Amino acid sequence: METGLLVASPQTGIATVWFTMRCNPAGEGVSIRSMPGRIRIVHLRRASQVLFLLLFAFLLVRTEFSGAAGAADDLRMRWPVSLFFRLDPLAALVNALATHALYRGLLWSLLILLPVLFLGRFFCGWICPMGTIHHFFGNLKSERKRGKQWIESNRYKPWQRTKYVILFAVLAAALCGSALVGWFDPLSLLVRSLSLSILPGFNYGVNAVLGPLEHSRIPALQSLAGVLHAALTATILSFRQPHFQLGVLLGLIFIVLLALNLRVTRFWCRALCPLGALLGLASRWSVLGLHKDAASCDQCNRCLLHCQGGDDPIGTAPWRKAECHLCLNCVDACPHHSLQFRFFRKEPEVAGPSLPRRRVLAGIAAGVAAVPLLRADTAMGRGRDEHLIRPPGALDESDFLARCIRCGECMKVCPNNSLQPAFAEAGLEGLWTPVLAPRIGYCEPSCVLCTEVCPTGAIWTITPREKGWAVGVGQDNHQPVRLGTAFHDRSRCLPWALATDCVVCEEWCPVSPKAIDLQEAEVIDANGATKRLKQPHVDPSLCVGCGACEYACPLLERPAVYVTSIGESRSPGSQILLTRRKEKAQS
């Protein structure tokens, strides 16, 4: 008996079968196969890939401050921009192992993990935007993928076990309290690469090309450039040109991973992706499998030409379930219909990865050893960098590193471009985690967008009132969120060092009452003349470390006022001890 999904054409009235489900009374179960002369099942898979890729792109573009002016309560995300991270089983598992809890929203990852137990790695072939992009580039022709080389490159290779070693390493690191998975998680890597490198570069290139055309003397070019610029601004261009340190490095890593597809189809997915490894392990118990009819197979190798997972669909080799992405290209390409996906098939197969025990132990040992080695420079050496200023709502450093998956969403959404990927500020363990860079931008008083988009709780969700900068520091005994404290370098400050009037830092201080006070003083200038001017002083009890004063300081190469993490509210051990001792003595 055969059943199928029927779709009637409005032009011809003829029904078309997308795919058929064949029920065999002899007990072979239910099978899925392509039908000649009809719309193929791979079209359904491609439609799913395009749909989820467009959804991912839409949410990524929406992960941004739009520039609309309004009240503080209007600065919030109106779309679930972290949806794909909440569906990421690897991020949820690492979060649970590292924190012994599961952050709200990550439970949605069961929508992906539970079907894998029955269907296999459908997420990799049908949903994952990272996989879809690599699928596209993997289909591009190259000299390395022609003829026998192409067929041979799509056979299973022992190096595909590498992703399982990476998986065991990041899970072991999570047990030691570090979310190093952010370096390798495909969704984190994709969002980080696009948000901090590819899209800013595209934004700059479009403005560089269309800007001069809009000011050209040719009316037709002016009109065309204006229309294109308006359309791109309304869809994909940023409200303001973003700049991110390490953007070039992040972009190069992403481009190299894409270029590897010219040699091996979906190299990232086959060899390096820890999420694919996790889903491969979970698919061990799936009831859907590939049935091979050896009698009708003539060894044409067409099934290998477009295989995405390197799972050996060819009839002479055992099928490797853990490597299959369920792209169904092999079923579609077989001219003799020798391949079918069946539920409860009985043929022998390589169900899980053939991992030697040494490789498993090596991955676990690498993850356990990596955490203390990466923390050595901060724990035993130079100590924490004074410029390690985390976003508002960030947890204490150890808890922060246990949760942050380096996705870059908080950096992309920051309206002032003040959040940057860390390089050396947080040590090797904190590479690519968000830090505040006041020289690039300051933290907006009424903005809490970074707390809304964080998918793992590394930045706790707070409201503008809980942040406490817009309602008045210290009012109603409310303690604001403090990122650090500003200090003046009097050897460089114009009123202190050069007897020159300058009140920029005081004017830019956004808190109320202002944390920078101007006090009149009588000084002697370089000519020996006596003059009166205002010199700035920082009140540490009012300063919240927003960085506006450092951002606005006219001394560009090295500002005369700078913000350090001392006094941050997230860390009890990073306080101004003299003030605390004085208050204790008075009490």
Protein backbone atom coordinates (compact mmCIF):
# COMPACT_ATOMS: atom_id res chain seq x y z
CA MET A 1 0.00 0.00 0.00
CA GLU A 2 1.31 3.46 -0.88
CA THR A 3 0.28 6.82 0.52
CA GLY A 4 1.56 10.25 -0.40
CA LEU A 5 1.25 13.98 0.05
CA LEU A 6 -0.88 15.34 -2.81
CA VAL A 7 -0.68 18.92 -4.06
CA ALA A 8 -3.03 20.02 -6.84
CA SER A 9 -1.77 22.44 -9.48
CA PRO A 10 -4.16 25.38 -9.97
CA GLN A 11 -3.15 25.61 -13.66
CA THR A 12 -3.65 21.98 -14.68
CA GLY A 13 -5.66 20.51 -11.85
CA ILE A 14 -3.25 17.55 -11.78
CA ALA A 15 -2.17 16.30 -8.37
CA THR A 16 1.55 15.82 -7.78
CA VAL A 17 3.12 13.44 -5.28
CA TRP A 18 5.95 14.97 -3.28
CA PHE A 19 7.02 11.61 -1.87
CA THR A 20 5.47 8.25 -1.14
CA MET A 21 5.18 6.22 2.04
CA ARG A 22 5.11 2.52 1.21
CA CYS A 23 3.71 0.08 3.76
CA ASN A 24 4.85 -3.49 3.16
CA PRO A 25 2.56 -6.15 4.63
CA ALA A 26 5.50 -8.57 4.80
CA GLY A 27 6.86 -6.64 7.75
CA GLU A 28 9.53 -4.46 6.14
CA GLY A 29 7.96 -1.39 7.74
CA VAL A 30 7.39 2.03 6.20
CA SER A 31 9.76 3.44 3.59
CA ILE A 32 10.32 6.81 1.97
CA ARG A 33 11.43 6.87 -1.66
CA SER A 34 11.51 9.25 -4.59
CA MET A 35 9.14 8.69 -7.50
CA PRO A 36 10.28 9.19 -11.12
CA GLY A 37 8.58 11.90 -13.11
CA ARG A 38 7.23 13.64 -10.03
CA ILE A 39 8.39 16.41 -7.73
CA ARG A 40 11.25 14.99 -5.69
CA ILE A 41 11.48 14.78 -1.94
CA VAL A 42 14.73 16.80 -2.00
CA HIS A 43 12.62 19.78 -3.04
CA LEU A 44 10.88 19.59 0.31
CA ARG A 45 14.24 19.49 2.09
CA ARG A 46 15.51 22.47 0.09
CA ALA A 47 12.36 24.43 0.89
CA SER A 48 12.90 23.71 4.58
CA GLN A 49 16.52 24.84 4.39
CA VAL A 50 15.60 28.07 2.61
CA LEU A 51 12.76 28.77 5.04
CA PHE A 52 14.89 28.35 8.16
CA LEU A 53 17.82 30.24 6.63
CA LEU A 54 15.54 33.18 5.85
CA LEU A 55 14.12 33.03 9.37
CA PHE A 56 17.64 33.03 10.78
CA ALA A 57 18.65 35.98 8.58
CA PHE A 58 15.53 37.92 9.57
CA LEU A 59 16.16 37.43 13.30
CA LEU A 60 19.85 38.27 12.85
CA VAL A 61 19.01 41.55 11.14
CA ARG A 62 16.47 42.31 13.86
CA THR A 63 19.16 41.84 16.51
CA GLU A 64 19.98 45.51 16.32
CA PHE A 65 19.03 48.90 17.67
CA SER A 66 16.88 50.54 14.99
CA GLY A 67 17.68 54.13 15.95
CA ALA A 68 14.10 55.00 16.85
CA ALA A 69 13.88 57.69 19.50
CA GLY A 70 11.53 57.26 22.40
CA ALA A 71 11.17 56.48 26.04
CA ALA A 72 13.49 54.13 27.85
CA ASP A 73 10.84 51.41 27.86
CA ASP A 74 10.85 51.45 24.04
CA LEU A 75 14.43 50.15 23.92
CA ARG A 76 13.59 46.47 23.82
CA MET A 77 13.62 43.58 21.39
CA ARG A 78 10.29 42.97 19.68
CA TRP A 79 11.33 39.65 18.11
CA PRO A 80 12.71 36.41 19.64
CA VAL A 81 16.14 37.07 18.18
CA SER A 82 17.82 34.30 20.20
CA LEU A 83 15.35 31.66 18.99
CA PHE A 84 17.95 29.45 17.29
CA PHE A 85 20.14 29.43 20.40
CA ARG A 86 17.20 28.30 22.49
CA LEU A 87 16.79 25.39 20.07
CA ASP A 88 20.47 24.44 20.35
CA PRO A 89 20.79 21.17 22.35
CA LEU A 90 24.55 21.60 22.71
CA ALA A 91 24.24 25.06 24.28
CA ALA A 92 21.57 23.74 26.66
CA LEU A 93 23.68 20.72 27.68
CA VAL A 94 26.81 22.80 28.30
CA ASN A 95 24.79 25.36 30.25
CA ALA A 96 23.37 22.61 32.47
CA LEU A 97 26.76 20.95 33.03
CA ALA A 98 28.62 24.19 33.79
CA THR A 99 26.03 25.79 36.08
CA HIS A 100 24.12 22.75 37.42
CA ALA A 101 20.96 24.47 36.20
CA LEU A 102 19.21 25.20 32.91
CA TYR A 103 18.62 28.82 31.93
CA ARG A 104 15.05 29.66 31.02
CA GLY A 105 14.20 29.11 27.39
CA LEU A 106 16.89 26.50 26.71
CA LEU A 107 14.40 23.74 27.48
CA TRP A 108 13.04 24.38 23.98
CA SER A 109 16.09 22.49 22.69
CA LEU A 110 14.16 19.29 23.41
CA LEU A 111 12.12 20.13 20.31
CA ILE A 112 15.28 19.28 18.36
CA LEU A 113 16.84 16.59 20.52
CA LEU A 114 13.80 14.34 21.02
CA PRO A 115 12.97 13.91 17.29
CA VAL A 116 16.62 13.08 16.66
CA LEU A 117 16.15 9.98 18.81
CA PHE A 118 13.60 8.75 16.25
CA LEU A 119 14.65 10.32 12.92
CA GLY A 120 18.40 10.92 13.13
CA ARG A 121 20.32 14.11 12.29
CA PHE A 122 17.47 15.86 10.51
CA PHE A 123 18.47 19.18 12.11
CA CYS A 124 21.77 19.21 10.20
CA GLY A 125 20.16 18.61 6.81
CA TRP A 126 16.85 20.43 7.14
CA ILE A 127 17.14 23.27 9.70
CA CYS A 128 20.67 24.32 10.70
CA PRO A 129 21.54 27.63 8.97
CA MET A 130 25.26 26.92 9.31
CA GLY A 131 24.73 23.57 7.61
CA THR A 132 22.68 25.17 4.83
CA ILE A 133 25.41 27.69 4.05
CA HIS A 134 28.03 24.94 3.93
CA HIS A 135 25.64 22.84 1.84
CA PHE A 136 25.50 25.64 -0.74
CA PHE A 137 29.25 26.13 -0.89
CA GLY A 138 29.79 22.38 -0.88
CA ASN A 139 27.87 22.13 -4.15
CA LEU A 140 30.20 24.55 -5.92
CA LYS A 141 32.50 22.96 -8.48
CA SER A 142 36.25 22.89 -7.98
CA GLU A 143 39.29 21.16 -9.41
CA ARG A 144 39.57 19.06 -6.26
CA LYS A 145 36.06 17.68 -6.67
CA ARG A 146 35.84 16.19 -10.13
CA GLY A 147 35.44 12.63 -11.34
CA LYS A 148 36.92 9.98 -9.07
CA GLN A 149 38.26 12.64 -6.68
CA TRP A 150 34.71 13.87 -6.11
CA ILE A 151 33.42 10.37 -5.42
CA GLU A 152 36.34 9.54 -3.16
CA SER A 153 35.97 12.79 -1.18
CA ASN A 154 32.41 11.80 -0.28
CA ARG A 155 33.40 8.45 1.21
CA TYR A 156 33.66 8.16 4.97
CA LYS A 157 37.07 9.16 6.35
CA PRO A 158 38.55 8.45 9.79
CA TRP A 159 39.18 12.16 10.36
CA GLN A 160 35.41 12.63 10.68
CA ARG A 161 35.83 11.36 14.26
CA THR A 162 37.51 14.67 15.16
CA LYS A 163 34.18 16.32 15.93
CA TYR A 164 33.48 13.73 18.61
CA VAL A 165 36.81 14.47 20.27
CA ILE A 166 35.90 18.17 20.24
CA LEU A 167 32.49 17.33 21.71
CA PHE A 168 33.97 15.36 24.61
CA ALA A 169 36.51 18.14 25.21
CA VAL A 170 33.93 20.94 25.46
CA LEU A 171 31.64 18.82 27.65
CA ALA A 172 34.56 18.06 29.99
CA ALA A 173 35.42 21.78 30.07
CA ALA A 174 31.78 22.53 30.94
CA LEU A 175 31.99 20.17 33.89
CA CYS A 176 34.99 22.22 35.03
CA GLY A 177 32.93 25.42 34.79
CA SER A 178 33.91 26.87 31.41
CA ALA A 179 31.73 27.33 28.31
CA LEU A 180 34.53 26.84 25.78
CA VAL A 181 31.89 25.35 23.50
CA GLY A 182 31.27 28.89 22.26
CA TRP A 183 34.40 28.65 20.13
CA PHE A 184 32.99 25.67 18.22
CA ASP A 185 29.21 25.78 18.49
CA PRO A 186 27.98 26.26 14.88
CA LEU A 187 25.29 28.79 15.73
CA SER A 188 27.65 30.84 17.90
CA LEU A 189 30.32 30.75 15.21
CA LEU A 190 27.86 31.77 12.50
CA VAL A 191 26.28 34.66 14.43
CA ARG A 192 29.67 35.86 15.68
CA SER A 193 31.22 35.78 12.20
CA LEU A 194 28.31 37.50 10.47
CA SER A 195 27.61 40.07 13.19
CA LEU A 196 31.17 41.14 13.96
CA SER A 197 32.84 40.80 10.56
CA ILE A 198 30.82 39.95 7.44
CA LEU A 199 27.85 42.29 7.94
CA PRO A 200 29.95 45.29 9.12
CA GLY A 201 32.18 44.79 6.08
CA PHE A 202 29.15 44.58 3.80
CA ASN A 203 27.70 47.67 5.44
CA TYR A 204 30.91 49.62 4.86
CA GLY A 205 31.22 48.43 1.25
CA VAL A 206 27.66 49.37 0.34
CA ASN A 207 28.03 52.86 1.81
CA ALA A 208 31.39 53.30 0.10
CA VAL A 209 29.91 52.44 -3.30
CA LEU A 210 26.45 54.00 -3.10
CA GLY A 211 27.53 57.14 -1.23
CA PRO A 212 29.50 58.67 -4.13
CA LEU A 213 26.84 57.58 -6.63
CA GLU A 214 24.16 59.42 -4.67
CA HIS A 215 26.22 62.60 -4.97
CA SER A 216 27.11 62.13 -8.62
CA ARG A 217 26.07 64.56 -11.33
CA ILE A 218 24.16 61.93 -13.30
CA PRO A 219 20.48 62.00 -12.29
CA ALA A 220 19.84 58.39 -13.27
CA LEU A 221 22.70 57.15 -11.08
CA GLN A 222 21.54 59.35 -8.23
CA SER A 223 18.02 57.93 -8.39
CA LEU A 224 19.17 54.31 -8.70
CA ALA A 225 21.68 54.63 -5.86
CA GLY A 226 19.11 56.37 -3.68
CA VAL A 227 16.53 53.63 -4.22
CA LEU A 228 19.05 50.86 -3.54
CA HIS A 229 20.38 52.60 -0.46
CA ALA A 230 16.88 53.15 0.92
CA ALA A 231 15.93 49.51 0.28
CA LEU A 232 19.08 48.14 1.90
CA THR A 233 18.77 50.52 4.84
CA ALA A 234 15.23 49.31 5.47
CA THR A 235 16.30 45.66 5.37
CA ILE A 236 19.90 44.74 6.11
CA LEU A 237 22.11 47.81 6.62
CA SER A 238 22.92 48.90 10.15
CA PHE A 239 21.57 52.08 11.70
CA ARG A 240 25.18 53.21 12.09
CA GLN A 241 28.44 51.80 10.79
CA PRO A 242 29.67 49.23 13.36
CA HIS A 243 33.35 48.55 14.03
CA PHE A 244 34.65 45.54 15.93
CA GLN A 245 38.16 44.68 16.98
CA LEU A 246 39.27 41.23 15.75
CA GLY A 247 36.69 41.53 12.99
CA VAL A 248 39.25 40.70 10.31
CA LEU A 249 40.39 37.57 12.17
CA LEU A 250 36.82 36.37 12.69
CA GLY A 251 36.03 36.96 9.04
CA LEU A 252 39.12 35.08 7.86
CA ILE A 253 38.27 32.06 10.02
CA PHE A 254 34.76 31.97 8.60
CA ILE A 255 35.96 32.34 4.99
CA VAL A 256 38.54 29.57 5.42
CA LEU A 257 35.84 27.23 6.74
CA LEU A 258 33.70 28.01 3.72
CA ALA A 259 36.63 27.56 1.33
CA LEU A 260 37.30 24.08 2.69
CA ASN A 261 34.03 23.02 1.05
CA LEU A 262 35.78 23.34 -2.30
CA ARG A 263 37.91 20.38 -1.28
CA VAL A 264 35.53 18.34 0.92
CA THR A 265 31.76 18.83 0.93
CA ARG A 266 30.58 20.24 4.27
CA PHE A 267 34.00 19.79 5.86
CA TRP A 268 32.92 21.72 8.96
CA CYS A 269 29.86 19.52 9.50
CA ARG A 270 31.78 16.30 8.91
CA ALA A 271 34.96 16.99 10.86
CA LEU A 272 34.59 19.82 13.37
CA CYS A 273 30.98 20.50 14.40
CA PRO A 274 30.37 19.41 18.03
CA LEU A 275 26.61 19.92 17.67
CA GLY A 276 26.60 17.47 14.77
CA ALA A 277 28.59 15.06 16.92
CA LEU A 278 26.03 15.33 19.73
CA LEU A 279 23.16 14.73 17.32
CA GLY A 280 25.10 11.84 15.78
CA LEU A 281 25.40 10.17 19.17
CA ALA A 282 21.71 10.76 19.88
CA SER A 283 20.72 9.30 16.50
CA ARG A 284 22.14 5.93 17.51
CA TRP A 285 18.65 4.91 18.63
CA SER A 286 16.73 6.40 15.70
CA VAL A 287 14.22 4.09 14.03
CA LEU A 288 14.60 5.62 10.55
CA GLY A 289 17.41 4.14 8.48
CA LEU A 290 18.71 3.67 4.96
CA HIS A 291 17.74 0.39 3.25
CA LYS A 292 20.05 -0.79 0.44
CA ASP A 293 18.83 -3.24 -2.18
CA ALA A 294 22.09 -4.92 -3.19
CA ALA A 295 20.42 -6.93 -5.96
CA SER A 296 19.41 -3.87 -7.99
CA CYS A 297 22.55 -1.79 -7.30
CA ASP A 298 24.98 -1.65 -10.24
CA GLN A 299 27.72 0.31 -8.38
CA CYS A 300 27.23 3.46 -10.45
CA ASN A 301 28.34 5.59 -7.46
CA ARG A 302 25.79 8.30 -8.19
CA CYS A 303 24.67 8.19 -4.56
CA LEU A 304 28.15 9.35 -3.56
CA LEU A 305 28.23 12.38 -5.86
CA HIS A 306 26.00 14.56 -3.70
CA CYS A 307 26.28 12.87 -0.30
CA GLN A 308 26.53 15.63 2.32
CA GLY A 309 27.59 13.63 5.35
CA GLY A 310 30.13 11.13 4.07
CA ASP A 311 28.02 8.28 5.48
CA ASP A 312 28.70 5.69 2.71
CA PRO A 313 25.25 5.21 1.13
CA ILE A 314 26.92 3.02 -1.53
CA GLY A 315 25.76 -0.58 -1.51
CA THR A 316 29.15 -2.19 -0.91
CA ALA A 317 29.80 -0.47 2.44
CA PRO A 318 27.88 -0.38 5.73
CA TRP A 319 25.81 2.76 6.18
CA ARG A 320 26.97 5.05 8.98
CA LYS A 321 23.84 6.40 10.63
CA ALA A 322 25.62 8.91 12.91
CA GLU A 323 27.12 10.72 9.89
CA CYS A 324 23.95 10.98 7.77
CA HIS A 325 22.33 14.44 7.52
CA LEU A 326 19.11 13.06 6.00
CA CYS A 327 19.63 15.23 2.92
CA LEU A 328 18.08 12.34 0.86
CA ASN A 329 20.31 13.15 -2.12
CA CYS A 330 21.36 9.53 -2.37
CA VAL A 331 17.76 8.31 -2.61
CA ASP A 332 16.97 10.95 -5.19
CA ALA A 333 20.04 10.22 -7.33
CA CYS A 334 19.75 6.42 -7.45
CA PRO A 335 18.49 5.49 -10.96
CA HIS A 336 17.43 1.99 -9.89
CA HIS A 337 15.63 2.96 -6.66
CA SER A 338 17.99 0.73 -4.71
CA LEU A 339 17.99 3.12 -1.73
CA GLN A 340 15.05 3.81 0.55
CA PHE A 341 14.70 5.28 4.02
CA ARG A 342 12.68 2.88 6.15
CA PHE A 343 11.39 2.86 9.68
CA PHE A 344 12.49 -0.14 11.74
CA ARG A 345 14.82 -1.51 9.07
CA LYS A 346 16.69 -4.71 9.95
CA GLU A 347 19.93 -4.46 7.94
CA PRO A 348 23.24 -4.26 9.82
CA GLU A 349 24.87 -0.84 9.97
CA VAL A 350 27.47 1.22 11.78
CA ALA A 351 24.98 2.84 14.14
CA GLY A 352 27.33 5.09 16.08
CA PRO A 353 30.82 6.48 15.55
CA SER A 354 33.55 3.89 15.76
CA LEU A 355 35.51 5.77 18.40
CA PRO A 356 38.55 4.12 19.96
CA ARG A 357 38.61 4.44 23.72
CA ARG A 358 41.86 6.37 23.50
CA ARG A 359 40.22 9.12 21.47
CA VAL A 360 37.39 9.46 23.95
CA LEU A 361 39.83 9.70 26.84
CA ALA A 362 42.00 12.13 24.88
CA GLY A 363 39.04 14.45 24.30
CA ILE A 364 38.00 14.36 27.95
CA ALA A 365 41.57 14.91 29.13
CA ALA A 366 42.00 17.83 26.72
CA GLY A 367 38.86 19.53 28.04
CA VAL A 368 39.80 19.02 31.68
CA ALA A 369 43.37 20.25 31.12
CA ALA A 370 42.33 23.22 28.98
CA VAL A 371 40.46 25.07 31.73
CA PRO A 372 43.33 25.49 34.25
CA LEU A 373 45.81 26.14 31.42
CA LEU A 374 43.66 28.89 29.93
CA ARG A 375 43.09 30.41 33.35
CA ALA A 376 46.76 30.34 34.31
CA ASP A 377 47.55 33.81 32.96
CA THR A 378 44.77 35.44 35.00
CA ALA A 379 44.74 33.26 38.10
CA MET A 380 48.47 32.90 38.75
CA GLY A 381 50.12 35.52 36.57
CA ARG A 382 49.32 39.11 35.88
CA GLY A 383 45.85 39.04 37.44
CA ARG A 384 42.70 40.52 35.94
CA ASP A 385 43.01 43.32 33.43
CA GLU A 386 41.73 46.62 34.80
CA HIS A 387 39.97 47.23 31.46
CA LEU A 388 37.91 44.04 31.74
CA ILE A 389 34.57 45.83 31.94
CA ARG A 390 31.59 43.58 31.37
CA PRO A 391 28.10 44.60 30.15
CA PRO A 392 25.44 45.66 32.67
CA GLY A 393 23.79 42.65 34.25
CA ALA A 394 26.81 40.39 33.69
CA LEU A 395 27.42 37.74 36.31
CA ASP A 396 30.59 37.44 38.36
CA GLU A 397 33.54 36.48 36.17
CA SER A 398 33.63 32.76 36.98
CA ASP A 399 29.87 32.40 36.48
CA PHE A 400 30.03 34.59 33.38
CA LEU A 401 32.65 32.36 31.72
CA ALA A 402 30.60 29.31 32.65
CA ARG A 403 27.61 30.64 30.69
CA CYS A 404 28.87 32.88 27.87
CA ILE A 405 28.97 31.06 24.52
CA ARG A 406 30.62 33.95 22.61
CA CYS A 407 27.67 34.30 20.23
CA GLY A 408 28.14 38.06 19.75
CA GLU A 409 24.44 38.93 19.97
CA CYS A 410 25.01 41.42 22.80
CA MET A 411 27.72 43.14 20.74
CA LYS A 412 25.55 43.38 17.65
CA VAL A 413 22.58 44.85 19.48
CA CYS A 414 24.56 47.51 21.38
CA PRO A 415 23.40 50.92 20.03
CA ASN A 416 26.72 52.68 20.67
CA ASN A 417 28.98 49.84 19.44
CA SER A 418 30.59 49.88 22.89
CA LEU A 419 30.66 46.10 23.41
CA GLN A 420 33.62 44.46 21.68
CA PRO A 421 34.99 40.90 21.50
CA ALA A 422 37.72 40.43 24.09
CA PHE A 423 41.23 39.57 23.00
CA ALA A 424 43.67 39.75 25.93
CA GLU A 425 41.52 41.57 28.50
CA ALA A 426 39.88 38.39 29.82
CA GLY A 427 42.75 35.97 29.26
CA LEU A 428 42.69 33.09 26.81
CA GLU A 429 39.58 31.58 28.35
CA GLY A 430 37.63 34.77 27.75
CA LEU A 431 38.56 35.11 24.07
CA TRP A 432 35.68 36.71 22.09
CA THR A 433 33.55 37.33 25.19
CA PRO A 434 32.00 40.84 25.38
CA VAL A 435 33.86 43.72 27.02
CA LEU A 436 33.05 47.42 27.18
CA ALA A 437 35.43 49.59 25.14
CA PRO A 438 34.72 53.22 26.11
CA ARG A 439 37.04 54.63 23.45
CA ILE A 440 34.71 53.16 20.82
CA GLY A 441 31.40 53.80 22.57
CA TYR A 442 29.80 54.21 25.98
CA CYS A 443 26.97 52.32 27.66
CA GLU A 444 23.66 54.09 27.03
CA PRO A 445 21.95 54.86 30.38
CA SER A 446 18.47 53.64 29.42
CA CYS A 447 19.57 50.68 27.27
CA VAL A 448 19.35 47.06 28.47
CA LEU A 449 19.19 45.39 25.05
CA CYS A 450 22.24 43.23 25.72
CA THR A 451 20.48 41.69 28.71
CA GLU A 452 17.47 40.79 26.56
CA VAL A 453 19.31 38.97 23.78
CA CYS A 454 21.71 36.87 25.88
CA PRO A 455 20.52 33.27 25.34
CA THR A 456 22.32 31.59 28.26
CA GLY A 457 22.00 34.00 31.20
CA ALA A 458 25.63 35.15 31.21
CA ILE A 459 24.09 38.63 31.13
CA TRP A 460 21.11 38.58 33.46
CA THR A 461 17.90 40.23 32.24
CA ILE A 462 17.32 43.60 33.91
CA THR A 463 15.05 46.58 33.31
CA PRO A 464 16.16 50.20 32.82
CA ARG A 465 14.90 50.96 36.35
CA GLU A 466 16.90 48.07 37.80
CA LYS A 467 19.93 49.37 35.93
CA GLY A 468 19.30 52.59 37.80
CA TRP A 469 21.08 55.12 35.60
CA ALA A 470 18.10 56.89 34.11
CA VAL A 471 16.10 57.22 37.35
CA GLY A 472 18.81 58.85 39.41
CA VAL A 473 21.77 57.25 41.12
CA GLY A 474 21.14 56.61 44.79
CA GLN A 475 17.50 57.74 44.78
CA ASP A 476 15.13 55.83 47.04
CA ASN A 477 18.10 53.87 48.37
CA HIS A 478 18.30 52.11 44.99
CA GLN A 479 21.77 50.81 44.19
CA PRO A 480 22.50 51.09 40.46
CA VAL A 481 24.36 48.55 38.39
CA ARG A 482 27.99 49.68 38.36
CA LEU A 483 30.38 48.65 35.60
CA GLY A 484 33.41 50.33 37.15
CA THR A 485 34.79 53.71 38.15
CA ALA A 486 36.32 56.58 36.19
CA PHE A 487 39.67 58.13 37.11
CA HIS A 488 41.49 61.23 35.87
CA ASP A 489 45.09 61.18 34.74
CA ARG A 490 46.07 64.61 36.01
CA SER A 491 49.33 64.53 34.09
CA ARG A 492 47.29 64.62 30.87
CA CYS A 493 44.04 66.33 31.85
CA LEU A 494 43.98 69.81 30.27
CA PRO A 495 42.78 71.78 33.34
CA TRP A 496 45.21 69.96 35.62
CA ALA A 497 48.32 69.62 33.44
CA LEU A 498 48.14 72.57 31.02
CA ALA A 499 45.93 75.08 32.86
CA THR A 500 43.53 74.97 29.91
CA ASP A 501 39.76 75.15 30.25
CA CYS A 502 37.97 71.87 29.45
CA VAL A 503 34.65 70.64 30.87
CA VAL A 504 33.83 67.93 28.30
CA CYS A 505 33.84 65.01 30.74
CA GLU A 506 31.45 66.78 33.10
CA GLU A 507 29.11 67.72 30.26
CA TRP A 508 28.97 64.16 28.95
CA CYS A 509 28.40 62.47 32.30
CA PRO A 510 24.85 61.07 31.89
CA VAL A 511 23.94 60.11 35.46
CA SER A 512 21.95 62.31 37.78
CA PRO A 513 23.37 63.79 39.91
CA LYS A 514 26.56 63.94 37.88
CA ALA A 515 29.47 61.83 39.01
CA ILE A 516 32.00 64.42 37.78
CA ASP A 517 32.11 67.67 39.71
CA LEU A 518 33.87 70.84 38.56
CA GLN A 519 35.70 72.78 41.27
CA GLU A 520 37.18 76.22 40.69
CA ALA A 521 40.89 76.51 41.32
CA GLU A 522 43.56 79.18 40.94
CA VAL A 523 46.44 77.95 38.80
CA ILE A 524 49.53 79.36 37.09
CA ASP A 525 49.77 78.85 33.34
CA ALA A 526 52.92 78.35 31.25
CA ASN A 527 53.50 82.11 31.03
CA GLY A 528 53.47 82.49 34.79
CA ALA A 529 50.09 84.23 34.81
CA THR A 530 47.53 83.38 37.45
CA LYS A 531 44.11 82.29 36.21
CA ARG A 532 41.00 80.65 37.57
CA LEU A 533 39.48 77.60 35.89
CA LYS A 534 37.38 74.55 36.71
CA GLN A 535 39.07 71.25 37.44
CA PRO A 536 37.12 67.93 37.26
CA HIS A 537 36.79 65.53 40.19
CA VAL A 538 35.15 62.09 40.13
CA ASP A 539 32.76 61.09 42.91
CA PRO A 540 33.12 57.27 43.10
CA SER A 541 29.84 56.95 44.99
CA LEU A 542 27.98 58.31 41.95
CA CYS A 543 30.09 56.98 39.08
CA VAL A 544 28.61 53.90 37.36
CA GLY A 545 31.46 53.32 34.88
CA CYS A 546 29.40 53.97 31.73
CA GLY A 547 32.46 55.27 29.86
CA ALA A 548 30.85 58.41 28.42
CA CYS A 549 33.60 60.63 29.87
CA GLU A 550 36.37 58.50 28.38
CA TYR A 551 34.57 58.36 25.02
CA ALA A 552 34.21 62.14 24.86
CA CYS A 553 37.68 63.11 26.12
CA PRO A 554 39.35 65.28 23.44
CA LEU A 555 42.73 63.61 23.97
CA LEU A 556 42.21 60.93 21.34
CA GLU A 557 45.39 58.86 21.50
CA ARG A 558 45.21 58.26 25.25
CA PRO A 559 42.35 59.91 27.15
CA ALA A 560 42.93 61.84 30.34
CA VAL A 561 39.92 60.17 31.97
CA TYR A 562 39.59 56.39 31.85
CA VAL A 563 37.30 53.74 33.29
CA THR A 564 38.48 50.61 35.08
CA SER A 565 36.50 47.70 36.52
CA ILE A 566 37.22 48.75 40.10
CA GLY A 567 33.95 49.22 41.97
CA GLU A 568 31.86 47.01 39.66
CA SER A 569 28.75 45.75 41.39
CA ARG A 570 29.00 42.20 39.98
CA SER A 571 32.20 41.38 41.86
CA PRO A 572 32.44 41.75 45.67
CA GLY A 573 36.22 41.49 45.44
CA SER A 574 36.59 44.46 43.08
CA GLN A 575 35.54 47.30 45.33
CA ILE A 576 37.14 50.56 46.47
CA LEU A 577 38.29 49.30 49.83
CA LEU A 578 39.13 52.68 51.33
CA THR A 579 35.55 53.83 50.94
CA ARG A 580 34.19 50.66 52.48
CA ARG A 581 36.55 50.89 55.46
CA LYS A 582 35.61 54.52 56.05
CA GLU A 583 31.89 53.69 56.00
CA LYS A 584 32.48 50.78 58.38
CA ALA A 585 34.40 52.99 60.80
CA GLN A 586 31.62 55.61 60.78
CA SER A 587 28.98 52.98 61.48
